[in-house]
Amino acid sequence: MSLSRALSRLALPALVLALGACSGRAPFIAGEEPWRAEEERACLAAGVVRESPFVEARASLGGLSACGAIRPFTVAAAAGGSVHMRPPALLRCPMVPAVDRWVERVVQPAARYYLRARVVELKVAASYSCRSKNHAWGARLSEHGHANAVDISAFVLADGRTVAVKTGWWGALAERGFLRAVHAGACDVFTTVLGPGYDANHRDHFHLDLARHGRDGETRICR
């Protein structure tokens, strides 16, 4: 490796910290992660996500910053348009089918079993946001900064009921069962799943992302 390239790699975290400070956000640390672009390009080339009345392709995000995605999508509804996402989530390509699988294979069956109803809407607490993890000063760039995460705060049912993570996690038995089932099932779809059992920052939502963990990138975090 050339000296100039080595110096540029060492300077990257400091550069990102400076950019964060200038933007008014808590500065974060970010490094080179080639897998992100490779994975996103493969998903786009495979045509896994197709535009529809509820899935719209967007221009690239982030520009020259450490944040962003090549060609993200605004998702107004999941699972073939059957479950609204409000507000719409801005997600990179691999996240879109992951959300669909979770809704179809985990959320709806759990809703039928525990609540005797169908979920018609997901309340989105956060999707793309160029920021540090938990908004902490000097922390690593959040997966939200790559449009690789979505936070879900509540589930709206066809009969008008709303099951919120904050109140339902320790609420009525049916709500507790439903929320724990969709949390556990998410761990088979996403590589990171964080909820009220993790820490106070996640007491009111489920954080779902497709980050790579561990040396082989295969480790899953489910808390």
C-alpha atoms as a PDB file:
ATOM      1  CA  MET A   1       0.000   0.000   0.000  1.00  0.00           C
ATOM      2  CA  SER A   2       1.383   3.428  -0.923  1.00  0.00           C
ATOM      3  CA  LEU A   3       2.100   5.980   1.798  1.00  0.00           C
ATOM      4  CA  SER A   4      -0.449   8.418   0.363  1.00  0.00           C
ATOM      5  CA  ARG A   5      -3.196   5.780   0.375  1.00  0.00           C
ATOM      6  CA  ALA A   6      -2.347   4.725   3.921  1.00  0.00           C
ATOM      7  CA  LEU A   7      -2.476   8.330   5.100  1.00  0.00           C
ATOM      8  CA  SER A   8      -5.794   8.882   3.358  1.00  0.00           C
ATOM      9  CA  ARG A   9      -7.285   5.877   5.176  1.00  0.00           C
ATOM     10  CA  LEU A  10      -6.030   7.156   8.510  1.00  0.00           C
ATOM     11  CA  ALA A  11      -7.464  10.575   7.769  1.00  0.00           C
ATOM     12  CA  LEU A  12     -10.935   9.322   6.878  1.00  0.00           C
ATOM     13  CA  PRO A  13     -12.387   9.126  10.389  1.00  0.00           C
ATOM     14  CA  ALA A  14     -11.101  12.625  11.187  1.00  0.00           C
ATOM     15  CA  LEU A  15     -12.572  13.953   7.943  1.00  0.00           C
ATOM     16  CA  VAL A  16     -15.965  12.454   8.711  1.00  0.00           C
ATOM     17  CA  LEU A  17     -15.833  13.853  12.232  1.00  0.00           C
ATOM     18  CA  ALA A  18     -15.182  17.311  10.817  1.00  0.00           C
ATOM     19  CA  LEU A  19     -18.016  17.016   8.306  1.00  0.00           C
ATOM     20  CA  GLY A  20     -20.390  15.958  11.046  1.00  0.00           C
ATOM     21  CA  ALA A  21     -19.437  18.943  13.148  1.00  0.00           C
ATOM     22  CA  CYS A  22     -19.933  21.365  10.256  1.00  0.00           C
ATOM     23  CA  SER A  23     -23.366  19.942   9.459  1.00  0.00           C
ATOM     24  CA  GLY A  24     -24.638  20.579  12.970  1.00  0.00           C
ATOM     25  CA  ARG A  25     -25.093  16.852  13.678  1.00  0.00           C
ATOM     26  CA  ALA A  26     -23.164  14.815  16.209  1.00  0.00           C
ATOM     27  CA  PRO A  27     -19.940  13.849  14.379  1.00  0.00           C
ATOM     28  CA  PHE A  28     -19.495  10.189  13.556  1.00  0.00           C
ATOM     29  CA  ILE A  29     -16.780   7.776  12.461  1.00  0.00           C
ATOM     30  CA  ALA A  30     -17.051   5.895   9.159  1.00  0.00           C
ATOM     31  CA  GLY A  31     -14.612   3.697   7.260  1.00  0.00           C
ATOM     32  CA  GLU A  32     -14.315   2.025   3.876  1.00  0.00           C
ATOM     33  CA  GLU A  33     -16.803  -0.840   3.423  1.00  0.00           C
ATOM     34  CA  PRO A  34     -16.753  -2.059  -0.200  1.00  0.00           C
ATOM     35  CA  TRP A  35     -19.384  -4.731   0.487  1.00  0.00           C
ATOM     36  CA  ARG A  36     -22.099  -2.111   0.733  1.00  0.00           C
ATOM     37  CA  ALA A  37     -21.843  -0.911  -2.862  1.00  0.00           C
ATOM     38  CA  GLU A  38     -21.253  -4.453  -4.142  1.00  0.00           C
ATOM     39  CA  GLU A  39     -24.346  -5.782  -2.377  1.00  0.00           C
ATOM     40  CA  GLU A  40     -26.532  -2.893  -3.486  1.00  0.00           C
ATOM     41  CA  ARG A  41     -25.401  -3.085  -7.128  1.00  0.00           C
ATOM     42  CA  ALA A  42     -26.078  -6.839  -7.177  1.00  0.00           C
ATOM     43  CA  CYS A  43     -29.583  -6.281  -5.820  1.00  0.00           C
ATOM     44  CA  LEU A  44     -30.315  -3.563  -8.370  1.00  0.00           C
ATOM     45  CA  ALA A  45     -28.919  -5.635 -11.254  1.00  0.00           C
ATOM     46  CA  ALA A  46     -31.047  -8.624 -10.246  1.00  0.00           C
ATOM     47  CA  GLY A  47     -34.203  -6.530 -10.414  1.00  0.00           C
ATOM     48  CA  VAL A  48     -35.262  -7.707  -6.980  1.00  0.00           C
ATOM     49  CA  VAL A  49     -37.136  -4.454  -6.368  1.00  0.00           C
ATOM     50  CA  ARG A  50     -39.517  -3.169  -9.004  1.00  0.00           C
ATOM     51  CA  GLU A  51     -41.180   0.205  -9.065  1.00  0.00           C
ATOM     52  CA  SER A  52     -44.906   0.313  -8.422  1.00  0.00           C
ATOM     53  CA  PRO A  53     -47.518   2.753  -7.116  1.00  0.00           C
ATOM     54  CA  PHE A  54     -46.053   2.193  -3.636  1.00  0.00           C
ATOM     55  CA  VAL A  55     -42.328   1.691  -4.378  1.00  0.00           C
ATOM     56  CA  GLU A  56     -40.506   4.551  -6.095  1.00  0.00           C
ATOM     57  CA  ALA A  57     -36.837   4.654  -7.141  1.00  0.00           C
ATOM     58  CA  ARG A  58     -34.921   7.714  -5.995  1.00  0.00           C
ATOM     59  CA  ALA A  59     -31.740   9.428  -7.097  1.00  0.00           C
ATOM     60  CA  SER A  60     -28.526   8.527  -5.298  1.00  0.00           C
ATOM     61  CA  LEU A  61     -28.117   9.740  -1.733  1.00  0.00           C
ATOM     62  CA  GLY A  62     -25.148  11.167   0.093  1.00  0.00           C
ATOM     63  CA  GLY A  63     -22.991  12.589  -2.692  1.00  0.00           C
ATOM     64  CA  LEU A  64     -19.372  12.634  -1.524  1.00  0.00           C
ATOM     65  CA  SER A  65     -20.254  12.056   2.125  1.00  0.00           C
ATOM     66  CA  ALA A  66     -19.902   8.749   3.961  1.00  0.00           C
ATOM     67  CA  CYS A  67     -23.688   8.463   4.049  1.00  0.00           C
ATOM     68  CA  GLY A  68     -26.089   7.480   1.309  1.00  0.00           C
ATOM     69  CA  ALA A  69     -27.038   4.793  -1.184  1.00  0.00           C
ATOM     70  CA  ILE A  70     -26.599   4.277  -4.926  1.00  0.00           C
ATOM     71  CA  ARG A  71     -30.282   4.090  -5.888  1.00  0.00           C
ATOM     72  CA  PRO A  72     -32.600   3.892  -2.892  1.00  0.00           C
ATOM     73  CA  PHE A  73     -36.340   3.424  -2.911  1.00  0.00           C
ATOM     74  CA  THR A  74     -39.152   5.253  -1.191  1.00  0.00           C
ATOM     75  CA  VAL A  75     -41.437   2.529   0.140  1.00  0.00           C
ATOM     76  CA  ALA A  76     -44.982   3.650   0.931  1.00  0.00           C
ATOM     77  CA  ALA A  77     -46.316   0.114   1.416  1.00  0.00           C
ATOM     78  CA  ALA A  78     -44.867  -3.362   1.968  1.00  0.00           C
ATOM     79  CA  ALA A  79     -45.961  -6.870   1.020  1.00  0.00           C
ATOM     80  CA  GLY A  80     -47.324  -6.048  -2.417  1.00  0.00           C
ATOM     81  CA  GLY A  81     -48.929  -2.839  -1.242  1.00  0.00           C
ATOM     82  CA  SER A  82     -51.064  -4.544   1.412  1.00  0.00           C
ATOM     83  CA  VAL A  83     -49.399  -2.907   4.431  1.00  0.00           C
ATOM     84  CA  HIS A  84     -48.848   0.846   4.441  1.00  0.00           C
ATOM     85  CA  MET A  85     -45.631   2.325   5.807  1.00  0.00           C
ATOM     86  CA  ARG A  86     -46.230   5.734   7.340  1.00  0.00           C
ATOM     87  CA  PRO A  87     -44.371   7.846   6.812  1.00  0.00           C
ATOM     88  CA  PRO A  88     -42.842   6.137   3.747  1.00  0.00           C
ATOM     89  CA  ALA A  89     -39.413   4.621   4.376  1.00  0.00           C
ATOM     90  CA  LEU A  90     -36.335   5.500   2.318  1.00  0.00           C
ATOM     91  CA  LEU A  91     -34.350   2.260   1.978  1.00  0.00           C
ATOM     92  CA  ARG A  92     -31.555   0.727  -0.081  1.00  0.00           C
ATOM     93  CA  CYS A  93     -32.386  -2.154  -2.392  1.00  0.00           C
ATOM     94  CA  PRO A  94     -31.679  -5.175  -0.121  1.00  0.00           C
ATOM     95  CA  MET A  95     -33.823  -3.780   2.684  1.00  0.00           C
ATOM     96  CA  VAL A  96     -37.007  -3.659   0.592  1.00  0.00           C
ATOM     97  CA  PRO A  97     -37.500  -7.431   0.085  1.00  0.00           C
ATOM     98  CA  ALA A  98     -36.357  -8.031   3.669  1.00  0.00           C
ATOM     99  CA  VAL A  99     -39.187  -5.880   5.003  1.00  0.00           C
ATOM    100  CA  ASP A 100     -41.623  -7.681   2.689  1.00  0.00           C
ATOM    101  CA  ARG A 101     -40.516 -11.105   3.956  1.00  0.00           C
ATOM    102  CA  TRP A 102     -40.797 -10.029   7.566  1.00  0.00           C
ATOM    103  CA  VAL A 103     -44.305  -8.654   7.078  1.00  0.00           C
ATOM    104  CA  GLU A 104     -45.565 -11.635   5.094  1.00  0.00           C
ATOM    105  CA  ARG A 105     -43.896 -14.495   6.974  1.00  0.00           C
ATOM    106  CA  VAL A 106     -43.698 -13.139  10.510  1.00  0.00           C
ATOM    107  CA  VAL A 107     -45.861 -10.097  11.224  1.00  0.00           C
ATOM    108  CA  GLN A 108     -49.114 -11.230   9.614  1.00  0.00           C
ATOM    109  CA  PRO A 109     -49.081 -14.794  11.003  1.00  0.00           C
ATOM    110  CA  ALA A 110     -48.292 -13.425  14.480  1.00  0.00           C
ATOM    111  CA  ALA A 111     -51.091 -10.861  14.204  1.00  0.00           C
ATOM    112  CA  ARG A 112     -53.588 -13.550  13.232  1.00  0.00           C
ATOM    113  CA  TYR A 113     -52.509 -15.825  16.067  1.00  0.00           C
ATOM    114  CA  TYR A 114     -52.237 -13.341  18.936  1.00  0.00           C
ATOM    115  CA  LEU A 115     -54.561 -10.519  17.896  1.00  0.00           C
ATOM    116  CA  ARG A 116     -57.064 -12.232  15.583  1.00  0.00           C
ATOM    117  CA  ALA A 117     -56.573  -9.411  13.102  1.00  0.00           C
ATOM    118  CA  ARG A 118     -54.509  -8.356  10.112  1.00  0.00           C
ATOM    119  CA  VAL A 119     -51.854  -5.631  10.164  1.00  0.00           C
ATOM    120  CA  VAL A 120     -52.600  -2.867   7.653  1.00  0.00           C
ATOM    121  CA  GLU A 121     -49.967  -0.300   8.573  1.00  0.00           C
ATOM    122  CA  LEU A 122     -46.474  -0.021  10.032  1.00  0.00           C
ATOM    123  CA  LYS A 123     -45.614   3.181  11.872  1.00  0.00           C
ATOM    124  CA  VAL A 124     -42.108   4.141  10.734  1.00  0.00           C
ATOM    125  CA  ALA A 125     -40.083   5.954  13.380  1.00  0.00           C
ATOM    126  CA  ALA A 126     -36.971   6.324  11.192  1.00  0.00           C
ATOM    127  CA  SER A 127     -35.357   5.176   7.962  1.00  0.00           C
ATOM    128  CA  TYR A 128     -32.589   7.068   6.107  1.00  0.00           C
ATOM    129  CA  SER A 129     -30.783   9.598   8.284  1.00  0.00           C
ATOM    130  CA  CYS A 130     -27.129  10.646   8.014  1.00  0.00           C
ATOM    131  CA  ARG A 131     -26.184  10.386  11.687  1.00  0.00           C
ATOM    132  CA  SER A 132     -24.200   8.484  14.279  1.00  0.00           C
ATOM    133  CA  LYS A 133     -25.509   5.466  16.166  1.00  0.00           C
ATOM    134  CA  ASN A 134     -28.040   6.603  18.768  1.00  0.00           C
ATOM    135  CA  HIS A 135     -27.095  10.194  17.856  1.00  0.00           C
ATOM    136  CA  ALA A 136     -24.011   9.731  20.054  1.00  0.00           C
ATOM    137  CA  TRP A 137     -21.037  12.073  19.667  1.00  0.00           C
ATOM    138  CA  GLY A 138     -18.105  10.340  17.969  1.00  0.00           C
ATOM    139  CA  ALA A 139     -19.901   7.004  17.494  1.00  0.00           C
ATOM    140  CA  ARG A 140     -19.808   5.017  14.270  1.00  0.00           C
ATOM    141  CA  LEU A 141     -22.100   5.966  11.426  1.00  0.00           C
ATOM    142  CA  SER A 142     -25.539   4.426  11.946  1.00  0.00           C
ATOM    143  CA  GLU A 143     -26.970   1.935   9.461  1.00  0.00           C
ATOM    144  CA  HIS A 144     -29.662   4.577   8.995  1.00  0.00           C
ATOM    145  CA  GLY A 145     -26.934   6.628   7.313  1.00  0.00           C
ATOM    146  CA  HIS A 146     -26.713   3.971   4.589  1.00  0.00           C
ATOM    147  CA  ALA A 147     -30.510   3.634   4.194  1.00  0.00           C
ATOM    148  CA  ASN A 148     -29.877   0.135   5.523  1.00  0.00           C
ATOM    149  CA  ALA A 149     -32.196   0.311   8.537  1.00  0.00           C
ATOM    150  CA  VAL A 150     -35.779   0.983   9.502  1.00  0.00           C
ATOM    151  CA  ASP A 151     -37.314   1.620  12.916  1.00  0.00           C
ATOM    152  CA  ILE A 152     -40.889   0.466  13.530  1.00  0.00           C
ATOM    153  CA  SER A 153     -42.767   1.990  16.468  1.00  0.00           C
ATOM    154  CA  ALA A 154     -46.275   0.546  16.052  1.00  0.00           C
ATOM    155  CA  PHE A 155     -48.566  -1.769  14.108  1.00  0.00           C
ATOM    156  CA  VAL A 156     -52.054  -0.682  13.023  1.00  0.00           C
ATOM    157  CA  LEU A 157     -54.663  -3.437  12.691  1.00  0.00           C
ATOM    158  CA  ALA A 158     -57.559  -3.748  10.263  1.00  0.00           C
ATOM    159  CA  ASP A 159     -60.037  -3.411  13.135  1.00  0.00           C
ATOM    160  CA  GLY A 160     -58.608  -0.012  14.091  1.00  0.00           C
ATOM    161  CA  ARG A 161     -56.431  -1.053  17.022  1.00  0.00           C
ATOM    162  CA  THR A 162     -52.832   0.147  17.267  1.00  0.00           C
ATOM    163  CA  VAL A 163     -50.185  -1.945  18.996  1.00  0.00           C
ATOM    164  CA  ALA A 164     -47.312   0.324  19.996  1.00  0.00           C
ATOM    165  CA  VAL A 165     -43.927  -1.096  20.951  1.00  0.00           C
ATOM    166  CA  LYS A 166     -43.559   1.335  23.860  1.00  0.00           C
ATOM    167  CA  THR A 167     -46.820   0.426  25.594  1.00  0.00           C
ATOM    168  CA  GLY A 168     -47.420  -3.064  24.248  1.00  0.00           C
ATOM    169  CA  TRP A 169     -44.087  -4.666  25.144  1.00  0.00           C
ATOM    170  CA  TRP A 170     -45.246  -4.917  28.757  1.00  0.00           C
ATOM    171  CA  GLY A 171     -48.945  -4.447  27.968  1.00  0.00           C
ATOM    172  CA  ALA A 172     -51.797  -6.919  27.585  1.00  0.00           C
ATOM    173  CA  LEU A 173     -50.793 -10.562  27.128  1.00  0.00           C
ATOM    174  CA  ALA A 174     -51.905 -10.662  23.482  1.00  0.00           C
ATOM    175  CA  GLU A 175     -49.890  -7.552  22.617  1.00  0.00           C
ATOM    176  CA  ARG A 176     -46.865  -8.838  24.496  1.00  0.00           C
ATOM    177  CA  GLY A 177     -47.050 -12.148  22.663  1.00  0.00           C
ATOM    178  CA  PHE A 178     -47.427 -10.469  19.284  1.00  0.00           C
ATOM    179  CA  LEU A 179     -44.554  -8.031  19.779  1.00  0.00           C
ATOM    180  CA  ARG A 180     -42.194 -10.696  21.062  1.00  0.00           C
ATOM    181  CA  ALA A 181     -43.095 -12.950  18.141  1.00  0.00           C
ATOM    182  CA  VAL A 182     -42.435 -10.293  15.502  1.00  0.00           C
ATOM    183  CA  HIS A 183     -39.203  -9.319  17.280  1.00  0.00           C
ATOM    184  CA  ALA A 184     -37.954 -12.922  17.412  1.00  0.00           C
ATOM    185  CA  GLY A 185     -39.037 -13.617  13.834  1.00  0.00           C
ATOM    186  CA  ALA A 186     -37.236 -10.528  12.604  1.00  0.00           C
ATOM    187  CA  CYS A 187     -33.987 -12.133  13.724  1.00  0.00           C
ATOM    188  CA  ASP A 188     -34.377 -14.714  10.945  1.00  0.00           C
ATOM    189  CA  VAL A 189     -34.696 -11.965   8.326  1.00  0.00           C
ATOM    190  CA  PHE A 190     -32.457  -9.109   9.455  1.00  0.00           C
ATOM    191  CA  THR A 191     -28.900  -9.234  10.780  1.00  0.00           C
ATOM    192  CA  THR A 192     -29.545  -6.672  13.524  1.00  0.00           C
ATOM    193  CA  VAL A 193     -32.738  -6.544  15.576  1.00  0.00           C
ATOM    194  CA  LEU A 194     -32.926  -4.283  18.624  1.00  0.00           C
ATOM    195  CA  GLY A 195     -35.953  -3.642  20.821  1.00  0.00           C
ATOM    196  CA  PRO A 196     -37.048  -2.638  24.324  1.00  0.00           C
ATOM    197  CA  GLY A 197     -35.045  -5.480  25.832  1.00  0.00           C
ATOM    198  CA  TYR A 198     -31.804  -3.983  24.524  1.00  0.00           C
ATOM    199  CA  ASP A 199     -31.588  -0.486  26.029  1.00  0.00           C
ATOM    200  CA  ALA A 200     -33.542   2.687  26.780  1.00  0.00           C
ATOM    201  CA  ASN A 201     -32.847   4.087  23.305  1.00  0.00           C
ATOM    202  CA  HIS A 202     -35.001   1.305  21.832  1.00  0.00           C
ATOM    203  CA  ARG A 203     -37.779   1.247  24.422  1.00  0.00           C
ATOM    204  CA  ASP A 204     -40.337   2.526  21.895  1.00  0.00           C
ATOM    205  CA  HIS A 205     -39.393   0.840  18.609  1.00  0.00           C
ATOM    206  CA  PHE A 206     -37.807  -2.100  16.832  1.00  0.00           C
ATOM    207  CA  HIS A 207     -34.594  -1.323  14.952  1.00  0.00           C
ATOM    208  CA  LEU A 208     -34.105  -3.604  11.928  1.00  0.00           C
ATOM    209  CA  ASP A 209     -31.072  -3.566   9.643  1.00  0.00           C
ATOM    210  CA  LEU A 210     -28.859  -5.632   7.340  1.00  0.00           C
ATOM    211  CA  ALA A 211     -25.419  -4.703   8.660  1.00  0.00           C
ATOM    212  CA  ARG A 212     -22.577  -7.191   8.440  1.00  0.00           C
ATOM    213  CA  HIS A 213     -21.157  -8.280  11.795  1.00  0.00           C
ATOM    214  CA  GLY A 214     -18.109 -10.309  12.703  1.00  0.00           C
ATOM    215  CA  ARG A 215     -15.124 -11.266  10.599  1.00  0.00           C
ATOM    216  CA  ASP A 216     -17.189 -13.335   8.193  1.00  0.00           C
ATOM    217  CA  GLY A 217     -20.093 -10.891   8.103  1.00  0.00           C
ATOM    218  CA  GLU A 218     -22.488 -13.686   9.093  1.00  0.00           C
ATOM    219  CA  THR A 219     -22.988 -12.894  12.776  1.00  0.00           C
ATOM    220  CA  ARG A 220     -26.479 -11.794  13.804  1.00  0.00           C
ATOM    221  CA  ILE A 221     -27.389  -9.487  16.674  1.00  0.00           C
ATOM    222  CA  CYS A 222     -30.829 -10.079  18.181  1.00  0.00           C
ATOM    223  CA  ARG A 223     -31.628  -8.243  21.404  1.00  0.00           C
END
